[in-house]
């Protein structure tokens, strides 16, 4: 998981002089993390700041000490609480940030070590982002698809972005992926599970599962074990109980049935 060093504008001191003095690339905002001003601006979806930094020569290819680029920060890290709790300005626009970075050569088609695309990581990691509240999710997804990987790209376990969204109960992303991006609602994981299998197995059958059915998901589809989605309800109830009591679960670890989840304490 990529976690920016700062959750609010960084302070100005001897290790953070780039805020007011350094050029667009050096020194770093934080020497220990390797995070640049462009990382920070992309993280905040600050279109004006990203634009000005790029004009000043900031590199869209800059990586922090964990290999994360400004694109990664914009897509996989920005959260709604940035605006609500930190009092940052409104009017942020991730799609515009991505277009600015792409115009300078940034690529949106890379995958992580698990074969996940930017879209995979966004829908799994961010629920209730400002994009969803402000209606910008569709536009951002379309930019990612225009310049990145196809909507049904699968990770190493066969999960598409739709599987991942279903597996964390991200209903807004599920709806946008199917209605606006053309995601295949019957795409199969390596265990032959559909998004509906995954949603129910992970305890999101009532809301996310119902939405998938409304969108046309096959309730009789069988996974590699021959099970239809509703036969996973008991497992979903257990998964939901574990989640509510602090047991973390991850998708794509092998597991069983349609989803292939593995619980990790």
C-alpha atoms as a PDB file:
ATOM      1  CA  UNK A   1       0.000   0.000   0.000  1.00  0.00           C
ATOM      2  CA  UNK A   2       1.274   3.444  -0.912  1.00  0.00           C
ATOM      3  CA  UNK A   3       0.927   5.935   1.923  1.00  0.00           C
ATOM      4  CA  UNK A   4       2.084   9.506   1.349  1.00  0.00           C
ATOM      5  CA  UNK A   5       4.249  11.004   4.052  1.00  0.00           C
ATOM      6  CA  UNK A   6       1.903  13.938   4.506  1.00  0.00           C
ATOM      7  CA  UNK A   7      -1.808  14.008   5.207  1.00  0.00           C
ATOM      8  CA  UNK A   8      -1.787  17.812   5.168  1.00  0.00           C
ATOM      9  CA  UNK A   9       0.534  20.453   3.707  1.00  0.00           C
ATOM     10  CA  UNK A  10       4.017  19.683   5.078  1.00  0.00           C
ATOM     11  CA  UNK A  11       5.753  22.109   7.426  1.00  0.00           C
ATOM     12  CA  UNK A  12       8.618  24.355   6.431  1.00  0.00           C
ATOM     13  CA  UNK A  13      11.778  23.415   8.303  1.00  0.00           C
ATOM     14  CA  UNK A  14      15.314  22.308   7.596  1.00  0.00           C
ATOM     15  CA  UNK A  15      14.160  19.021   5.991  1.00  0.00           C
ATOM     16  CA  UNK A  16      11.259  20.525   4.041  1.00  0.00           C
ATOM     17  CA  UNK A  17      12.773  23.574   2.383  1.00  0.00           C
ATOM     18  CA  UNK A  18      11.399  22.623  -1.028  1.00  0.00           C
ATOM     19  CA  UNK A  19       8.049  24.095  -0.026  1.00  0.00           C
ATOM     20  CA  UNK A  20       9.308  27.614  -0.598  1.00  0.00           C
ATOM     21  CA  UNK A  21      12.799  27.405  -2.040  1.00  0.00           C
ATOM     22  CA  UNK A  22      13.809  24.312  -4.006  1.00  0.00           C
ATOM     23  CA  UNK A  23      13.128  23.769  -7.693  1.00  0.00           C
ATOM     24  CA  UNK A  24      10.332  21.539  -8.954  1.00  0.00           C
ATOM     25  CA  UNK A  25      12.245  18.292  -8.503  1.00  0.00           C
ATOM     26  CA  UNK A  26      14.806  18.789  -5.731  1.00  0.00           C
ATOM     27  CA  UNK A  27      15.072  18.875  -2.797  1.00  0.00           C
ATOM     28  CA  UNK A  28      12.394  16.419  -1.762  1.00  0.00           C
ATOM     29  CA  UNK A  29       9.482  17.436   0.410  1.00  0.00           C
ATOM     30  CA  UNK A  30      10.652  14.713   2.776  1.00  0.00           C
ATOM     31  CA  UNK A  31      14.132  13.256   2.506  1.00  0.00           C
ATOM     32  CA  UNK A  32      13.166  10.009   4.215  1.00  0.00           C
ATOM     33  CA  UNK A  33      10.202   9.201   1.953  1.00  0.00           C
ATOM     34  CA  UNK A  34      11.505  10.625  -1.317  1.00  0.00           C
ATOM     35  CA  UNK A  35       8.216  12.400  -1.945  1.00  0.00           C
ATOM     36  CA  UNK A  36       8.349  15.388  -4.298  1.00  0.00           C
ATOM     37  CA  UNK A  37       6.198  18.478  -4.521  1.00  0.00           C
ATOM     38  CA  UNK A  38       4.470  16.930  -7.524  1.00  0.00           C
ATOM     39  CA  UNK A  39       3.581  13.827  -5.499  1.00  0.00           C
ATOM     40  CA  UNK A  40       2.012  16.056  -2.866  1.00  0.00           C
ATOM     41  CA  UNK A  41       0.059  18.164  -5.365  1.00  0.00           C
ATOM     42  CA  UNK A  42      -1.200  15.069  -7.207  1.00  0.00           C
ATOM     43  CA  UNK A  43      -2.219  13.545  -3.883  1.00  0.00           C
ATOM     44  CA  UNK A  44      -4.351  16.619  -3.223  1.00  0.00           C
ATOM     45  CA  UNK A  45      -5.769  16.710  -6.777  1.00  0.00           C
ATOM     46  CA  UNK A  46      -4.589  20.299  -6.957  1.00  0.00           C
ATOM     47  CA  UNK A  47      -4.860  20.950 -10.701  1.00  0.00           C
ATOM     48  CA  UNK A  48      -3.351  24.432 -10.640  1.00  0.00           C
ATOM     49  CA  UNK A  49      -0.390  23.317  -8.556  1.00  0.00           C
ATOM     50  CA  UNK A  50       0.290  20.237 -10.682  1.00  0.00           C
ATOM     51  CA  UNK A  51       0.132  22.356 -13.826  1.00  0.00           C
ATOM     52  CA  UNK A  52       2.540  24.964 -12.467  1.00  0.00           C
ATOM     53  CA  UNK A  53       4.991  22.348 -11.186  1.00  0.00           C
ATOM     54  CA  UNK A  54       5.050  20.627 -14.566  1.00  0.00           C
ATOM     55  CA  UNK A  55       5.649  23.982 -16.250  1.00  0.00           C
ATOM     56  CA  UNK A  56       8.567  24.517 -13.865  1.00  0.00           C
ATOM     57  CA  UNK A  57      10.053  21.203 -14.937  1.00  0.00           C
ATOM     58  CA  UNK A  58       8.782  18.748 -12.341  1.00  0.00           C
ATOM     59  CA  UNK A  59       9.187  15.172 -13.511  1.00  0.00           C
ATOM     60  CA  UNK A  60       6.002  13.094 -13.856  1.00  0.00           C
ATOM     61  CA  UNK A  61       8.280  10.048 -13.597  1.00  0.00           C
ATOM     62  CA  UNK A  62       9.563  10.881 -10.101  1.00  0.00           C
ATOM     63  CA  UNK A  63       9.343   7.952  -7.699  1.00  0.00           C
ATOM     64  CA  UNK A  64       9.394   7.968  -3.933  1.00  0.00           C
ATOM     65  CA  UNK A  65      11.418   5.478  -1.920  1.00  0.00           C
ATOM     66  CA  UNK A  66       8.764   2.810  -2.486  1.00  0.00           C
ATOM     67  CA  UNK A  67       8.528   3.326  -6.226  1.00  0.00           C
ATOM     68  CA  UNK A  68       5.284   5.322  -6.254  1.00  0.00           C
ATOM     69  CA  UNK A  69       4.804   8.024  -8.889  1.00  0.00           C
ATOM     70  CA  UNK A  70       2.558  11.110  -8.883  1.00  0.00           C
ATOM     71  CA  UNK A  71       0.073   9.072 -10.937  1.00  0.00           C
ATOM     72  CA  UNK A  72      -0.058   6.462  -8.177  1.00  0.00           C
ATOM     73  CA  UNK A  73      -0.682   9.167  -5.609  1.00  0.00           C
ATOM     74  CA  UNK A  74      -3.505  10.753  -7.607  1.00  0.00           C
ATOM     75  CA  UNK A  75      -5.300   7.496  -8.370  1.00  0.00           C
ATOM     76  CA  UNK A  76      -4.632   5.306  -5.358  1.00  0.00           C
ATOM     77  CA  UNK A  77      -4.197   7.617  -2.397  1.00  0.00           C
ATOM     78  CA  UNK A  78      -6.408  10.731  -2.451  1.00  0.00           C
ATOM     79  CA  UNK A  79      -9.309  10.506  -0.032  1.00  0.00           C
ATOM     80  CA  UNK A  80     -12.413  12.507   0.749  1.00  0.00           C
ATOM     81  CA  UNK A  81     -11.260  13.383   4.270  1.00  0.00           C
ATOM     82  CA  UNK A  82      -8.618  15.583   2.724  1.00  0.00           C
ATOM     83  CA  UNK A  83     -11.319  18.109   1.953  1.00  0.00           C
ATOM     84  CA  UNK A  84     -13.647  17.498   4.883  1.00  0.00           C
ATOM     85  CA  UNK A  85     -11.107  17.365   7.712  1.00  0.00           C
ATOM     86  CA  UNK A  86      -8.156  19.337   6.398  1.00  0.00           C
ATOM     87  CA  UNK A  87     -10.188  22.184   4.943  1.00  0.00           C
ATOM     88  CA  UNK A  88      -8.449  22.073   1.581  1.00  0.00           C
ATOM     89  CA  UNK A  89     -10.027  23.915  -1.369  1.00  0.00           C
ATOM     90  CA  UNK A  90     -12.797  22.315  -3.395  1.00  0.00           C
ATOM     91  CA  UNK A  91     -12.774  21.947  -7.150  1.00  0.00           C
ATOM     92  CA  UNK A  92     -10.190  19.190  -7.338  1.00  0.00           C
ATOM     93  CA  UNK A  93     -10.274  17.082 -10.471  1.00  0.00           C
ATOM     94  CA  UNK A  94      -8.395  13.798 -10.774  1.00  0.00           C
ATOM     95  CA  UNK A  95      -9.167  13.352 -14.474  1.00  0.00           C
ATOM     96  CA  UNK A  96      -7.531  16.699 -15.253  1.00  0.00           C
ATOM     97  CA  UNK A  97      -4.522  15.754 -13.124  1.00  0.00           C
ATOM     98  CA  UNK A  98      -4.103  12.550 -15.103  1.00  0.00           C
ATOM     99  CA  UNK A  99      -4.405  14.360 -18.436  1.00  0.00           C
ATOM    100  CA  UNK A 100      -1.707  16.827 -17.383  1.00  0.00           C
ATOM    101  CA  UNK A 101       0.621  14.011 -16.353  1.00  0.00           C
ATOM    102  CA  UNK A 102      -0.072  11.990 -19.512  1.00  0.00           C
ATOM    103  CA  UNK A 103       0.644  15.051 -21.662  1.00  0.00           C
ATOM    104  CA  UNK A 104       4.117  15.092 -20.083  1.00  0.00           C
ATOM    105  CA  UNK A 105       4.704  11.436 -20.836  1.00  0.00           C
ATOM    106  CA  UNK A 106       3.342   9.655 -17.771  1.00  0.00           C
ATOM    107  CA  UNK A 107       1.899   6.214 -18.450  1.00  0.00           C
ATOM    108  CA  UNK A 108      -1.292   4.800 -16.991  1.00  0.00           C
ATOM    109  CA  UNK A 109      -0.880   1.218 -18.182  1.00  0.00           C
ATOM    110  CA  UNK A 110       1.531  -0.208 -15.624  1.00  0.00           C
ATOM    111  CA  UNK A 111       0.686  -3.061 -13.268  1.00  0.00           C
ATOM    112  CA  UNK A 112       1.941  -3.826  -9.785  1.00  0.00           C
ATOM    113  CA  UNK A 113       3.627  -7.035  -8.621  1.00  0.00           C
ATOM    114  CA  UNK A 114       0.222  -8.723  -8.289  1.00  0.00           C
ATOM    115  CA  UNK A 115      -0.787  -7.809 -11.830  1.00  0.00           C
ATOM    116  CA  UNK A 116      -3.186  -5.116 -10.647  1.00  0.00           C
ATOM    117  CA  UNK A 117      -3.798  -2.013 -12.738  1.00  0.00           C
ATOM    118  CA  UNK A 118      -4.379   1.497 -11.436  1.00  0.00           C
ATOM    119  CA  UNK A 119      -8.098   0.868 -11.828  1.00  0.00           C
ATOM    120  CA  UNK A 120      -7.890  -2.320  -9.737  1.00  0.00           C
ATOM    121  CA  UNK A 121      -6.137  -0.500  -6.923  1.00  0.00           C
ATOM    122  CA  UNK A 122      -8.431   2.513  -6.999  1.00  0.00           C
ATOM    123  CA  UNK A 123     -11.700   0.607  -6.745  1.00  0.00           C
ATOM    124  CA  UNK A 124     -10.409  -1.723  -4.050  1.00  0.00           C
ATOM    125  CA  UNK A 125      -8.677   0.875  -1.927  1.00  0.00           C
ATOM    126  CA  UNK A 126     -10.906   3.931  -2.049  1.00  0.00           C
ATOM    127  CA  UNK A 127     -14.522   3.868  -0.966  1.00  0.00           C
ATOM    128  CA  UNK A 128     -16.384   7.148  -0.534  1.00  0.00           C
ATOM    129  CA  UNK A 129     -13.833   9.339  -2.261  1.00  0.00           C
ATOM    130  CA  UNK A 130     -14.567  12.911  -3.254  1.00  0.00           C
ATOM    131  CA  UNK A 131     -14.707  11.692  -6.853  1.00  0.00           C
ATOM    132  CA  UNK A 132     -17.764   9.629  -6.032  1.00  0.00           C
ATOM    133  CA  UNK A 133     -19.404  12.452  -4.121  1.00  0.00           C
ATOM    134  CA  UNK A 134     -18.728  15.055  -6.800  1.00  0.00           C
ATOM    135  CA  UNK A 135     -19.599  12.795  -9.737  1.00  0.00           C
ATOM    136  CA  UNK A 136     -16.092  12.592 -11.157  1.00  0.00           C
ATOM    137  CA  UNK A 137     -15.635   8.837 -10.937  1.00  0.00           C
ATOM    138  CA  UNK A 138     -16.836   8.122 -14.473  1.00  0.00           C
ATOM    139  CA  UNK A 139     -14.555  10.745 -16.010  1.00  0.00           C
ATOM    140  CA  UNK A 140     -11.526   9.489 -14.111  1.00  0.00           C
ATOM    141  CA  UNK A 141     -12.230   5.867 -15.051  1.00  0.00           C
ATOM    142  CA  UNK A 142     -12.595   6.807 -18.716  1.00  0.00           C
ATOM    143  CA  UNK A 143      -9.224   8.587 -18.680  1.00  0.00           C
ATOM    144  CA  UNK A 144      -7.606   5.529 -17.110  1.00  0.00           C
ATOM    145  CA  UNK A 145      -9.156   3.285 -19.740  1.00  0.00           C
ATOM    146  CA  UNK A 146      -8.259   5.599 -22.626  1.00  0.00           C
ATOM    147  CA  UNK A 147      -4.589   5.699 -21.683  1.00  0.00           C
ATOM    148  CA  UNK A 148      -4.240   2.539 -19.613  1.00  0.00           C
ATOM    149  CA  UNK A 149      -5.336  -1.078 -19.569  1.00  0.00           C
ATOM    150  CA  UNK A 150      -8.694  -2.447 -20.806  1.00  0.00           C
ATOM    151  CA  UNK A 151     -11.559  -2.461 -18.323  1.00  0.00           C
ATOM    152  CA  UNK A 152     -11.549  -6.262 -18.069  1.00  0.00           C
ATOM    153  CA  UNK A 153      -7.801  -6.608 -17.488  1.00  0.00           C
ATOM    154  CA  UNK A 154      -7.232  -9.348 -14.930  1.00  0.00           C
ATOM    155  CA  UNK A 155      -4.703  -9.481 -12.125  1.00  0.00           C
ATOM    156  CA  UNK A 156      -2.693 -12.578 -11.260  1.00  0.00           C
ATOM    157  CA  UNK A 157      -5.699 -14.248  -9.639  1.00  0.00           C
ATOM    158  CA  UNK A 158      -7.989 -13.435 -12.550  1.00  0.00           C
ATOM    159  CA  UNK A 159      -9.737 -10.553 -10.822  1.00  0.00           C
ATOM    160  CA  UNK A 160     -10.948  -7.678 -12.956  1.00  0.00           C
ATOM    161  CA  UNK A 161     -11.549  -4.238 -11.491  1.00  0.00           C
ATOM    162  CA  UNK A 162     -15.218  -5.217 -11.211  1.00  0.00           C
ATOM    163  CA  UNK A 163     -14.348  -8.253  -9.088  1.00  0.00           C
ATOM    164  CA  UNK A 164     -12.272  -6.064  -6.787  1.00  0.00           C
ATOM    165  CA  UNK A 165     -14.954  -3.403  -6.499  1.00  0.00           C
ATOM    166  CA  UNK A 166     -17.551  -6.064  -5.704  1.00  0.00           C
ATOM    167  CA  UNK A 167     -15.215  -7.617  -3.163  1.00  0.00           C
ATOM    168  CA  UNK A 168     -15.039  -4.460  -1.051  1.00  0.00           C
ATOM    169  CA  UNK A 169     -18.639  -3.344  -1.467  1.00  0.00           C
ATOM    170  CA  UNK A 170     -17.744  -0.365  -3.650  1.00  0.00           C
ATOM    171  CA  UNK A 171     -21.173  -0.043  -5.218  1.00  0.00           C
ATOM    172  CA  UNK A 172     -20.590   3.259  -6.980  1.00  0.00           C
ATOM    173  CA  UNK A 173     -17.559   1.834  -8.755  1.00  0.00           C
ATOM    174  CA  UNK A 174     -19.496  -1.321  -9.650  1.00  0.00           C
ATOM    175  CA  UNK A 175     -22.245   0.763 -11.224  1.00  0.00           C
ATOM    176  CA  UNK A 176     -19.877   3.010 -13.174  1.00  0.00           C
ATOM    177  CA  UNK A 177     -17.754   0.085 -14.372  1.00  0.00           C
ATOM    178  CA  UNK A 178     -20.768  -1.786 -15.739  1.00  0.00           C
ATOM    179  CA  UNK A 179     -22.946   1.070 -16.990  1.00  0.00           C
ATOM    180  CA  UNK A 180     -20.363   3.532 -18.259  1.00  0.00           C
ATOM    181  CA  UNK A 181     -17.201   1.531 -18.894  1.00  0.00           C
ATOM    182  CA  UNK A 182     -18.603  -1.665 -20.368  1.00  0.00           C
ATOM    183  CA  UNK A 183     -17.141  -4.055 -17.788  1.00  0.00           C
ATOM    184  CA  UNK A 184     -18.071  -7.690 -18.354  1.00  0.00           C
ATOM    185  CA  UNK A 185     -20.355  -8.567 -15.460  1.00  0.00           C
ATOM    186  CA  UNK A 186     -19.763 -12.280 -16.081  1.00  0.00           C
ATOM    187  CA  UNK A 187     -15.942 -12.141 -16.191  1.00  0.00           C
ATOM    188  CA  UNK A 188     -14.389 -15.060 -14.286  1.00  0.00           C
ATOM    189  CA  UNK A 189     -11.538 -15.269 -11.796  1.00  0.00           C
ATOM    190  CA  UNK A 190      -9.020 -18.110 -11.950  1.00  0.00           C
ATOM    191  CA  UNK A 191     -11.455 -19.959  -9.670  1.00  0.00           C
ATOM    192  CA  UNK A 192     -14.258 -19.244 -12.174  1.00  0.00           C
ATOM    193  CA  UNK A 193     -16.008 -16.848  -9.822  1.00  0.00           C
ATOM    194  CA  UNK A 194     -18.052 -13.926 -11.087  1.00  0.00           C
ATOM    195  CA  UNK A 195     -18.308 -10.535  -9.428  1.00  0.00           C
ATOM    196  CA  UNK A 196     -21.539 -11.763  -7.840  1.00  0.00           C
ATOM    197  CA  UNK A 197     -19.734 -14.762  -6.336  1.00  0.00           C
ATOM    198  CA  UNK A 198     -17.101 -12.432  -4.902  1.00  0.00           C
ATOM    199  CA  UNK A 199     -19.592  -9.930  -3.479  1.00  0.00           C
ATOM    200  CA  UNK A 200     -21.611 -12.603  -1.689  1.00  0.00           C
ATOM    201  CA  UNK A 201     -18.596 -14.592  -0.504  1.00  0.00           C
ATOM    202  CA  UNK A 202     -17.134 -11.476   1.080  1.00  0.00           C
ATOM    203  CA  UNK A 203     -20.331 -10.497   2.863  1.00  0.00           C
ATOM    204  CA  UNK A 204     -21.594  -7.782   0.512  1.00  0.00           C
ATOM    205  CA  UNK A 205     -24.506  -9.718  -0.930  1.00  0.00           C
ATOM    206  CA  UNK A 206     -27.322  -7.564   0.416  1.00  0.00           C
ATOM    207  CA  UNK A 207     -26.240  -4.282  -1.184  1.00  0.00           C
ATOM    208  CA  UNK A 208     -23.534  -4.966  -3.775  1.00  0.00           C
ATOM    209  CA  UNK A 209     -24.881  -8.375  -4.724  1.00  0.00           C
ATOM    210  CA  UNK A 210     -28.362  -6.956  -5.211  1.00  0.00           C
ATOM    211  CA  UNK A 211     -26.938  -4.190  -7.389  1.00  0.00           C
ATOM    212  CA  UNK A 212     -25.084  -6.701  -9.556  1.00  0.00           C
ATOM    213  CA  UNK A 213     -28.286  -8.695 -10.019  1.00  0.00           C
ATOM    214  CA  UNK A 214     -30.111  -5.510 -11.030  1.00  0.00           C
ATOM    215  CA  UNK A 215     -27.343  -4.884 -13.549  1.00  0.00           C
ATOM    216  CA  UNK A 216     -27.861  -8.334 -15.057  1.00  0.00           C
ATOM    217  CA  UNK A 217     -25.540 -10.702 -13.189  1.00  0.00           C
ATOM    218  CA  UNK A 218     -26.314 -14.397 -13.630  1.00  0.00           C
ATOM    219  CA  UNK A 219     -27.566 -15.778 -10.311  1.00  0.00           C
ATOM    220  CA  UNK A 220     -27.054 -19.354 -11.522  1.00  0.00           C
ATOM    221  CA  UNK A 221     -23.427 -19.040 -12.681  1.00  0.00           C
ATOM    222  CA  UNK A 222     -21.212 -21.790 -11.239  1.00  0.00           C
ATOM    223  CA  UNK A 223     -17.668 -21.359  -9.983  1.00  0.00           C
ATOM    224  CA  UNK A 224     -14.891 -23.953 -10.227  1.00  0.00           C
ATOM    225  CA  UNK A 225     -16.415 -25.828  -7.281  1.00  0.00           C
ATOM    226  CA  UNK A 226     -19.802 -25.948  -8.955  1.00  0.00           C
ATOM    227  CA  UNK A 227     -21.363 -23.450  -6.572  1.00  0.00           C
ATOM    228  CA  UNK A 228     -23.785 -20.716  -7.544  1.00  0.00           C
ATOM    229  CA  UNK A 229     -23.468 -17.343  -5.775  1.00  0.00           C
ATOM    230  CA  UNK A 230     -26.216 -17.826  -3.181  1.00  0.00           C
ATOM    231  CA  UNK A 231     -24.495 -20.988  -1.946  1.00  0.00           C
ATOM    232  CA  UNK A 232     -21.748 -18.707  -0.623  1.00  0.00           C
ATOM    233  CA  UNK A 233     -24.023 -16.752   1.718  1.00  0.00           C
ATOM    234  CA  UNK A 234     -22.829 -18.611   4.834  1.00  0.00           C
ATOM    235  CA  UNK A 235     -19.197 -17.918   3.976  1.00  0.00           C
ATOM    236  CA  UNK A 236     -20.098 -14.294   3.374  1.00  0.00           C
ATOM    237  CA  UNK A 237     -21.681 -14.002   6.794  1.00  0.00           C
ATOM    238  CA  UNK A 238     -18.510 -15.396   8.381  1.00  0.00           C
ATOM    239  CA  UNK A 239     -16.330 -13.057   6.333  1.00  0.00           C
ATOM    240  CA  UNK A 240     -18.451 -10.086   7.385  1.00  0.00           C
ATOM    241  CA  UNK A 241     -18.221 -11.119  11.037  1.00  0.00           C
ATOM    242  CA  UNK A 242     -14.432 -11.449  10.815  1.00  0.00           C
ATOM    243  CA  UNK A 243     -14.152  -8.095   9.077  1.00  0.00           C
ATOM    244  CA  UNK A 244     -16.257  -6.417  11.734  1.00  0.00           C
ATOM    245  CA  UNK A 245     -14.008  -7.915  14.402  1.00  0.00           C
ATOM    246  CA  UNK A 246     -10.687  -6.850  12.972  1.00  0.00           C
ATOM    247  CA  UNK A 247      -9.650  -9.762  10.754  1.00  0.00           C
ATOM    248  CA  UNK A 248      -8.220  -8.456   7.490  1.00  0.00           C
ATOM    249  CA  UNK A 249      -8.968 -10.266   4.245  1.00  0.00           C
ATOM    250  CA  UNK A 250      -7.261  -9.996   0.906  1.00  0.00           C
ATOM    251  CA  UNK A 251      -8.420 -10.947  -2.544  1.00  0.00           C
ATOM    252  CA  UNK A 252      -6.474 -13.043  -4.987  1.00  0.00           C
ATOM    253  CA  UNK A 253      -4.493 -15.220  -2.562  1.00  0.00           C
ATOM    254  CA  UNK A 254      -5.709 -18.581  -3.759  1.00  0.00           C
ATOM    255  CA  UNK A 255      -8.423 -19.352  -1.251  1.00  0.00           C
ATOM    256  CA  UNK A 256     -11.502 -21.263  -2.245  1.00  0.00           C
ATOM    257  CA  UNK A 257     -14.584 -21.054  -4.383  1.00  0.00           C
ATOM    258  CA  UNK A 258     -15.404 -18.096  -6.551  1.00  0.00           C
ATOM    259  CA  UNK A 259     -13.541 -15.387  -4.728  1.00  0.00           C
ATOM    260  CA  UNK A 260     -10.343 -17.033  -3.669  1.00  0.00           C
ATOM    261  CA  UNK A 261      -9.887 -14.982  -0.503  1.00  0.00           C
ATOM    262  CA  UNK A 262      -7.569 -15.698   2.362  1.00  0.00           C
ATOM    263  CA  UNK A 263      -8.026 -14.331   5.860  1.00  0.00           C
ATOM    264  CA  UNK A 264      -5.015 -12.763   7.478  1.00  0.00           C
ATOM    265  CA  UNK A 265      -5.091 -11.775  11.106  1.00  0.00           C
END
